[in-house]
Amino acid sequence: MTDITLLIVDDHPVVRDGLRGMFAAEGSGFRVLGEAPDGVRGVELALELDPDVVLMDLRMPGGGGVDAIAALGRRGARSRVLVLTTYDTDTDTLPAIEAGATGYLLKDAPREELFAAVRAAAEGRTVLSPAVASRLVTAVRAPAPADTALSAREGEILALVAKGTANRAIAAELFISEATVKTHLTHIYAKLGVNDRASAVATAYDRRILGGP
C-alpha cells in the first residue's frame, strides 16, 4: 500500500518535530514531505509538494490557517486539509470548516485517533473531534438571524399602529387589503421578536425605529 503523504504546518518547531517523528515511525503508512511555520509558506509547499493531507494549525504569526485553507481551495490544490489545533471555539472551528477544511481535530487527540483522521481525510471523508462536531450541530440547528430592518411599508403600518389605528382603518388609509395588513404585522412581529401590537410599538420606540412618543 502506498504511504499517505503529509505536509505539517505549525508555528511551533517542537510540535512539528513531534508530529514528524510520530508519522515517520516504521510501518506507520505515512510519509512527511515537508514542514512550514505559517500558512503562507504552507500554501507554497502544498502547491509544490502536492501532499495527500496538510496538517494545518490555525493561529500562526505570519499567516493563519483559515486564510491558507481558503487559498488552497482557490488555487485548486488536490491536498485535503486536516486542522490540528488546540482551539475549539466557534470563532475558530466554523471559519475553518467554511474555508474548506476536510476535518478538524484537537492536539490532545490520541495518536491512533490522529492516524485514523489522516487516513479518513486522505480519502476525502470528514473527520471532526466530538467537541467540534457538537459545536457545528448547534450552529446548524440555530435559527438564522432574521433581517430586522423594517421595509418602508412595514414602517408606515407600524406608525399607524402606534397611533392606535385599527387594521381595517390602516388598510383603507394605505389602499391595501386588511389581509395584507395582517401579513405585514406578522413580519413586523417576527423582525422585532414580539407577539402583539403593544409589544411591537414599545419595542419600536425602544429601538428608535419610531420617533419618541
C-alpha atoms as a PDB file:
ATOM      1  CA  MET A   1       0.000   0.000   0.000  1.00  0.00           C
ATOM      2  CA  THR A   2       1.311   3.460  -0.904  1.00  0.00           C
ATOM      3  CA  ASP A   3       2.148   5.719   2.031  1.00  0.00           C
ATOM      4  CA  ILE A   4      -0.087   8.722   2.672  1.00  0.00           C
ATOM      5  CA  THR A   5       1.992  11.845   2.130  1.00  0.00           C
ATOM      6  CA  LEU A   6       1.816  14.751   4.569  1.00  0.00           C
ATOM      7  CA  LEU A   7       2.730  18.386   4.987  1.00  0.00           C
ATOM      8  CA  ILE A   8       2.884  19.746   8.545  1.00  0.00           C
ATOM      9  CA  VAL A   9       2.027  23.435   9.019  1.00  0.00           C
ATOM     10  CA  ASP A  10       2.588  24.703  12.566  1.00  0.00           C
ATOM     11  CA  ASP A  11       4.485  27.644  14.044  1.00  0.00           C
ATOM     12  CA  HIS A  12       5.972  25.610  16.896  1.00  0.00           C
ATOM     13  CA  PRO A  13       9.142  23.664  15.942  1.00  0.00           C
ATOM     14  CA  VAL A  14       8.648  21.230  18.831  1.00  0.00           C
ATOM     15  CA  VAL A  15       5.180  20.350  17.581  1.00  0.00           C
ATOM     16  CA  ARG A  16       6.437  19.872  14.021  1.00  0.00           C
ATOM     17  CA  ASP A  17       9.292  17.659  15.224  1.00  0.00           C
ATOM     18  CA  GLY A  18       6.947  15.584  17.357  1.00  0.00           C
ATOM     19  CA  LEU A  19       4.477  15.054  14.539  1.00  0.00           C
ATOM     20  CA  ARG A  20       7.215  14.237  12.048  1.00  0.00           C
ATOM     21  CA  GLY A  21       8.671  11.648  14.408  1.00  0.00           C
ATOM     22  CA  MET A  22       5.256  10.142  15.032  1.00  0.00           C
ATOM     23  CA  PHE A  23       4.410   9.804  11.353  1.00  0.00           C
ATOM     24  CA  ALA A  24       7.921   8.691  10.387  1.00  0.00           C
ATOM     25  CA  ALA A  25       7.721   5.623  12.629  1.00  0.00           C
ATOM     26  CA  GLU A  26       8.434   2.451  10.702  1.00  0.00           C
ATOM     27  CA  GLY A  27       5.350   0.841   9.267  1.00  0.00           C
ATOM     28  CA  SER A  28       3.042   3.755  10.065  1.00  0.00           C
ATOM     29  CA  GLY A  29       1.937   4.100   6.442  1.00  0.00           C
ATOM     30  CA  PHE A  30       2.702   7.838   6.346  1.00  0.00           C
ATOM     31  CA  ARG A  31       5.469   9.930   4.791  1.00  0.00           C
ATOM     32  CA  VAL A  32       6.113  13.558   5.716  1.00  0.00           C
ATOM     33  CA  LEU A  33       7.135  15.579   2.664  1.00  0.00           C
ATOM     34  CA  GLY A  34       7.807  18.861   4.412  1.00  0.00           C
ATOM     35  CA  GLU A  35       7.066  21.384   7.144  1.00  0.00           C
ATOM     36  CA  ALA A  36       6.013  25.022   7.208  1.00  0.00           C
ATOM     37  CA  PRO A  37       5.967  27.559  10.074  1.00  0.00           C
ATOM     38  CA  ASP A  38       2.969  29.532   8.832  1.00  0.00           C
ATOM     39  CA  GLY A  39       0.043  29.479   6.447  1.00  0.00           C
ATOM     40  CA  VAL A  40       1.703  31.442   3.659  1.00  0.00           C
ATOM     41  CA  ARG A  41       4.640  29.054   3.423  1.00  0.00           C
ATOM     42  CA  GLY A  42       2.242  26.171   3.920  1.00  0.00           C
ATOM     43  CA  VAL A  43       0.315  27.126   0.787  1.00  0.00           C
ATOM     44  CA  GLU A  44       3.555  27.426  -1.203  1.00  0.00           C
ATOM     45  CA  LEU A  45       4.783  23.987  -0.109  1.00  0.00           C
ATOM     46  CA  ALA A  46       1.392  22.340  -0.569  1.00  0.00           C
ATOM     47  CA  LEU A  47       1.288  23.502  -4.177  1.00  0.00           C
ATOM     48  CA  GLU A  48       4.904  22.467  -4.721  1.00  0.00           C
ATOM     49  CA  LEU A  49       4.917  19.083  -2.947  1.00  0.00           C
ATOM     50  CA  ASP A  50       1.282  18.053  -3.569  1.00  0.00           C
ATOM     51  CA  PRO A  51       0.801  16.041  -0.333  1.00  0.00           C
ATOM     52  CA  ASP A  52      -2.288  13.920   0.219  1.00  0.00           C
ATOM     53  CA  VAL A  53      -3.030  15.687   3.507  1.00  0.00           C
ATOM     54  CA  VAL A  54      -1.981  19.002   5.027  1.00  0.00           C
ATOM     55  CA  LEU A  55      -1.975  19.084   8.831  1.00  0.00           C
ATOM     56  CA  MET A  56      -2.844  22.721   9.471  1.00  0.00           C
ATOM     57  CA  ASP A  57      -2.623  24.712  12.684  1.00  0.00           C
ATOM     58  CA  LEU A  58      -4.887  27.790  12.831  1.00  0.00           C
ATOM     59  CA  ARG A  59      -3.326  30.643  14.794  1.00  0.00           C
ATOM     60  CA  MET A  60       0.136  31.296  13.410  1.00  0.00           C
ATOM     61  CA  PRO A  61       2.144  34.514  13.129  1.00  0.00           C
ATOM     62  CA  GLY A  62       2.871  35.313   9.506  1.00  0.00           C
ATOM     63  CA  GLY A  63      -0.250  33.672   8.104  1.00  0.00           C
ATOM     64  CA  GLY A  64      -3.146  31.877   9.777  1.00  0.00           C
ATOM     65  CA  GLY A  65      -4.653  28.544   8.893  1.00  0.00           C
ATOM     66  CA  VAL A  66      -8.089  29.706   7.742  1.00  0.00           C
ATOM     67  CA  ASP A  67      -6.620  32.021   5.105  1.00  0.00           C
ATOM     68  CA  ALA A  68      -4.291  29.241   3.985  1.00  0.00           C
ATOM     69  CA  ILE A  69      -7.164  26.755   3.659  1.00  0.00           C
ATOM     70  CA  ALA A  70      -9.142  29.227   1.564  1.00  0.00           C
ATOM     71  CA  ALA A  71      -6.087  29.973  -0.588  1.00  0.00           C
ATOM     72  CA  LEU A  72      -5.532  26.268  -1.297  1.00  0.00           C
ATOM     73  CA  GLY A  73      -9.147  25.983  -2.373  1.00  0.00           C
ATOM     74  CA  ARG A  74      -8.837  28.952  -4.713  1.00  0.00           C
ATOM     75  CA  ARG A  75      -5.632  27.538  -6.197  1.00  0.00           C
ATOM     76  CA  GLY A  76      -7.273  24.177  -6.854  1.00  0.00           C
ATOM     77  CA  ALA A  77      -4.932  22.193  -4.609  1.00  0.00           C
ATOM     78  CA  ARG A  78      -5.557  18.460  -4.504  1.00  0.00           C
ATOM     79  CA  SER A  79      -4.461  18.165  -0.884  1.00  0.00           C
ATOM     80  CA  ARG A  80      -7.022  17.626   1.844  1.00  0.00           C
ATOM     81  CA  VAL A  81      -6.644  19.851   4.884  1.00  0.00           C
ATOM     82  CA  LEU A  82      -6.967  18.415   8.376  1.00  0.00           C
ATOM     83  CA  VAL A  83      -6.921  21.138  11.007  1.00  0.00           C
ATOM     84  CA  LEU A  84      -4.886  20.147  14.052  1.00  0.00           C
ATOM     85  CA  THR A  85      -5.072  22.796  16.739  1.00  0.00           C
ATOM     86  CA  THR A  86      -5.640  23.484  20.418  1.00  0.00           C
ATOM     87  CA  TYR A  87      -8.602  25.780  19.747  1.00  0.00           C
ATOM     88  CA  ASP A  88     -12.213  24.620  19.526  1.00  0.00           C
ATOM     89  CA  THR A  89     -14.162  27.870  19.834  1.00  0.00           C
ATOM     90  CA  ASP A  90     -16.836  28.858  17.303  1.00  0.00           C
ATOM     91  CA  THR A  91     -14.601  31.644  16.022  1.00  0.00           C
ATOM     92  CA  ASP A  92     -12.017  29.022  15.056  1.00  0.00           C
ATOM     93  CA  THR A  93     -13.987  25.955  14.032  1.00  0.00           C
ATOM     94  CA  LEU A  94     -16.717  27.418  11.840  1.00  0.00           C
ATOM     95  CA  PRO A  95     -14.467  29.611   9.650  1.00  0.00           C
ATOM     96  CA  ALA A  96     -12.049  26.704   9.131  1.00  0.00           C
ATOM     97  CA  ILE A  97     -14.798  24.336   8.010  1.00  0.00           C
ATOM     98  CA  GLU A  98     -16.378  27.011   5.841  1.00  0.00           C
ATOM     99  CA  ALA A  99     -12.992  27.719   4.246  1.00  0.00           C
ATOM    100  CA  GLY A 100     -12.816  24.102   3.100  1.00  0.00           C
ATOM    101  CA  ALA A 101     -11.108  22.021   5.775  1.00  0.00           C
ATOM    102  CA  THR A 102     -11.846  18.313   5.412  1.00  0.00           C
ATOM    103  CA  GLY A 103     -11.517  17.716   9.137  1.00  0.00           C
ATOM    104  CA  TYR A 104     -10.872  19.337  12.493  1.00  0.00           C
ATOM    105  CA  LEU A 105      -9.005  17.633  15.298  1.00  0.00           C
ATOM    106  CA  LEU A 106      -7.617  18.872  18.599  1.00  0.00           C
ATOM    107  CA  LYS A 107      -3.966  18.372  19.526  1.00  0.00           C
ATOM    108  CA  ASP A 108      -4.865  16.363  22.600  1.00  0.00           C
ATOM    109  CA  ALA A 109      -6.265  13.585  20.381  1.00  0.00           C
ATOM    110  CA  PRO A 110      -4.684  10.149  20.951  1.00  0.00           C
ATOM    111  CA  ARG A 111      -2.123   9.042  18.387  1.00  0.00           C
ATOM    112  CA  GLU A 112      -4.320   6.348  16.862  1.00  0.00           C
ATOM    113  CA  GLU A 113      -7.204   8.810  16.543  1.00  0.00           C
ATOM    114  CA  LEU A 114      -4.900  11.205  14.686  1.00  0.00           C
ATOM    115  CA  PHE A 115      -3.697   8.430  12.371  1.00  0.00           C
ATOM    116  CA  ALA A 116      -7.287   7.403  11.637  1.00  0.00           C
ATOM    117  CA  ALA A 117      -8.257  11.006  10.990  1.00  0.00           C
ATOM    118  CA  VAL A 118      -5.411  11.456   8.493  1.00  0.00           C
ATOM    119  CA  ARG A 119      -6.388   8.275   6.667  1.00  0.00           C
ATOM    120  CA  ALA A 120     -10.004   9.418   6.521  1.00  0.00           C
ATOM    121  CA  ALA A 121      -9.013  12.898   5.317  1.00  0.00           C
ATOM    122  CA  ALA A 122      -6.857  11.359   2.582  1.00  0.00           C
ATOM    123  CA  GLU A 123      -9.978   9.554   1.369  1.00  0.00           C
ATOM    124  CA  GLY A 124     -11.980  12.775   1.445  1.00  0.00           C
ATOM    125  CA  ARG A 125     -14.054  11.817   4.459  1.00  0.00           C
ATOM    126  CA  THR A 126     -14.934  14.461   7.036  1.00  0.00           C
ATOM    127  CA  VAL A 127     -13.397  13.985  10.460  1.00  0.00           C
ATOM    128  CA  LEU A 128     -14.385  16.105  13.453  1.00  0.00           C
ATOM    129  CA  SER A 129     -13.423  15.880  17.102  1.00  0.00           C
ATOM    130  CA  PRO A 130     -16.505  15.304  19.307  1.00  0.00           C
ATOM    131  CA  ALA A 131     -16.333  18.836  20.743  1.00  0.00           C
ATOM    132  CA  VAL A 132     -16.173  20.398  17.285  1.00  0.00           C
ATOM    133  CA  ALA A 133     -18.935  18.176  15.930  1.00  0.00           C
ATOM    134  CA  SER A 134     -21.167  19.270  18.796  1.00  0.00           C
ATOM    135  CA  ARG A 135     -20.488  22.938  18.053  1.00  0.00           C
ATOM    136  CA  LEU A 136     -21.264  22.512  14.369  1.00  0.00           C
ATOM    137  CA  VAL A 137     -24.524  20.692  15.087  1.00  0.00           C
ATOM    138  CA  THR A 138     -25.544  23.507  17.434  1.00  0.00           C
ATOM    139  CA  ALA A 139     -24.687  26.124  14.813  1.00  0.00           C
ATOM    140  CA  VAL A 140     -26.656  24.295  12.121  1.00  0.00           C
ATOM    141  CA  ARG A 141     -29.686  23.886  14.357  1.00  0.00           C
ATOM    142  CA  ALA A 142     -29.684  27.523  15.492  1.00  0.00           C
ATOM    143  CA  PRO A 143     -32.207  29.601  13.570  1.00  0.00           C
ATOM    144  CA  ALA A 144     -30.734  32.032  11.109  1.00  0.00           C
ATOM    145  CA  PRO A 145     -30.902  35.582  12.376  1.00  0.00           C
ATOM    146  CA  ALA A 146     -33.818  37.407  10.841  1.00  0.00           C
ATOM    147  CA  ASP A 147     -33.384  40.594   8.869  1.00  0.00           C
ATOM    148  CA  THR A 148     -34.572  43.058  11.477  1.00  0.00           C
ATOM    149  CA  ALA A 149     -34.764  46.076   9.186  1.00  0.00           C
ATOM    150  CA  LEU A 150     -38.382  47.050   8.509  1.00  0.00           C
ATOM    151  CA  SER A 151     -39.448  47.836   4.969  1.00  0.00           C
ATOM    152  CA  ALA A 152     -40.923  51.248   4.161  1.00  0.00           C
ATOM    153  CA  ARG A 153     -44.439  49.779   4.102  1.00  0.00           C
ATOM    154  CA  GLU A 154     -43.896  47.977   7.411  1.00  0.00           C
ATOM    155  CA  GLY A 155     -42.713  51.262   8.914  1.00  0.00           C
ATOM    156  CA  GLU A 156     -45.864  53.007   7.709  1.00  0.00           C
ATOM    157  CA  ILE A 157     -48.081  50.327   9.205  1.00  0.00           C
ATOM    158  CA  LEU A 158     -46.204  50.310  12.497  1.00  0.00           C
ATOM    159  CA  ALA A 159     -46.508  54.087  12.750  1.00  0.00           C
ATOM    160  CA  LEU A 160     -50.287  53.824  12.285  1.00  0.00           C
ATOM    161  CA  VAL A 161     -50.454  51.010  14.839  1.00  0.00           C
ATOM    162  CA  ALA A 162     -48.629  53.279  17.269  1.00  0.00           C
ATOM    163  CA  LYS A 163     -51.441  55.830  16.798  1.00  0.00           C
ATOM    164  CA  GLY A 164     -53.998  53.189  17.751  1.00  0.00           C
ATOM    165  CA  THR A 165     -55.319  52.741  14.209  1.00  0.00           C
ATOM    166  CA  ALA A 166     -57.239  49.508  13.657  1.00  0.00           C
ATOM    167  CA  ASN A 167     -56.285  47.091  10.891  1.00  0.00           C
ATOM    168  CA  ARG A 168     -59.324  47.974   8.779  1.00  0.00           C
ATOM    169  CA  ALA A 169     -58.567  51.694   9.008  1.00  0.00           C
ATOM    170  CA  ILE A 170     -54.901  51.059   8.160  1.00  0.00           C
ATOM    171  CA  ALA A 171     -55.995  49.109   5.092  1.00  0.00           C
ATOM    172  CA  ALA A 172     -58.266  51.950   3.976  1.00  0.00           C
ATOM    173  CA  GLU A 173     -55.622  54.632   4.508  1.00  0.00           C
ATOM    174  CA  LEU A 174     -52.921  52.722   2.631  1.00  0.00           C
ATOM    175  CA  PHE A 175     -55.250  51.357  -0.061  1.00  0.00           C
ATOM    176  CA  ILE A 176     -54.408  47.729   0.687  1.00  0.00           C
ATOM    177  CA  SER A 177     -56.486  44.808   1.945  1.00  0.00           C
ATOM    178  CA  GLU A 178     -56.924  44.037   5.611  1.00  0.00           C
ATOM    179  CA  ALA A 179     -55.347  40.641   4.980  1.00  0.00           C
ATOM    180  CA  THR A 180     -52.243  42.374   3.631  1.00  0.00           C
ATOM    181  CA  VAL A 181     -52.072  44.498   6.763  1.00  0.00           C
ATOM    182  CA  LYS A 182     -52.174  41.360   8.889  1.00  0.00           C
ATOM    183  CA  THR A 183     -49.403  39.787   6.807  1.00  0.00           C
ATOM    184  CA  HIS A 184     -47.215  42.860   7.276  1.00  0.00           C
ATOM    185  CA  LEU A 185     -47.893  42.798  11.006  1.00  0.00           C
ATOM    186  CA  THR A 186     -46.794  39.171  11.177  1.00  0.00           C
ATOM    187  CA  HIS A 187     -43.494  40.127   9.518  1.00  0.00           C
ATOM    188  CA  ILE A 188     -43.094  43.108  11.845  1.00  0.00           C
ATOM    189  CA  TYR A 189     -43.633  40.916  14.916  1.00  0.00           C
ATOM    190  CA  ALA A 190     -41.055  38.411  13.661  1.00  0.00           C
ATOM    191  CA  LYS A 191     -38.445  41.094  12.976  1.00  0.00           C
ATOM    192  CA  LEU A 192     -38.949  42.746  16.342  1.00  0.00           C
ATOM    193  CA  GLY A 193     -39.202  39.464  18.245  1.00  0.00           C
ATOM    194  CA  VAL A 194     -42.637  40.239  19.707  1.00  0.00           C
ATOM    195  CA  ASN A 195     -46.112  38.687  19.659  1.00  0.00           C
ATOM    196  CA  ASP A 196     -48.601  41.561  19.713  1.00  0.00           C
ATOM    197  CA  ARG A 197     -49.265  45.158  18.677  1.00  0.00           C
ATOM    198  CA  ALA A 198     -48.467  46.733  22.043  1.00  0.00           C
ATOM    199  CA  SER A 199     -45.119  44.963  22.308  1.00  0.00           C
ATOM    200  CA  ALA A 200     -44.283  45.879  18.725  1.00  0.00           C
ATOM    201  CA  VAL A 201     -44.886  49.577  19.418  1.00  0.00           C
ATOM    202  CA  ALA A 202     -42.951  49.512  22.697  1.00  0.00           C
ATOM    203  CA  THR A 203     -40.005  47.708  21.092  1.00  0.00           C
ATOM    204  CA  ALA A 204     -40.023  50.073  18.109  1.00  0.00           C
ATOM    205  CA  TYR A 205     -39.789  53.084  20.397  1.00  0.00           C
ATOM    206  CA  ASP A 206     -37.081  51.409  22.464  1.00  0.00           C
ATOM    207  CA  ARG A 207     -35.010  50.717  19.352  1.00  0.00           C
ATOM    208  CA  ARG A 208     -35.772  54.183  17.985  1.00  0.00           C
ATOM    209  CA  ILE A 209     -37.451  52.682  14.924  1.00  0.00           C
ATOM    210  CA  LEU A 210     -40.286  55.055  15.768  1.00  0.00           C
ATOM    211  CA  GLY A 211     -39.803  58.583  16.990  1.00  0.00           C
ATOM    212  CA  GLY A 212     -40.333  59.483  20.629  1.00  0.00           C
ATOM    213  CA  PRO A 213     -43.895  59.079  21.895  1.00  0.00           C
END
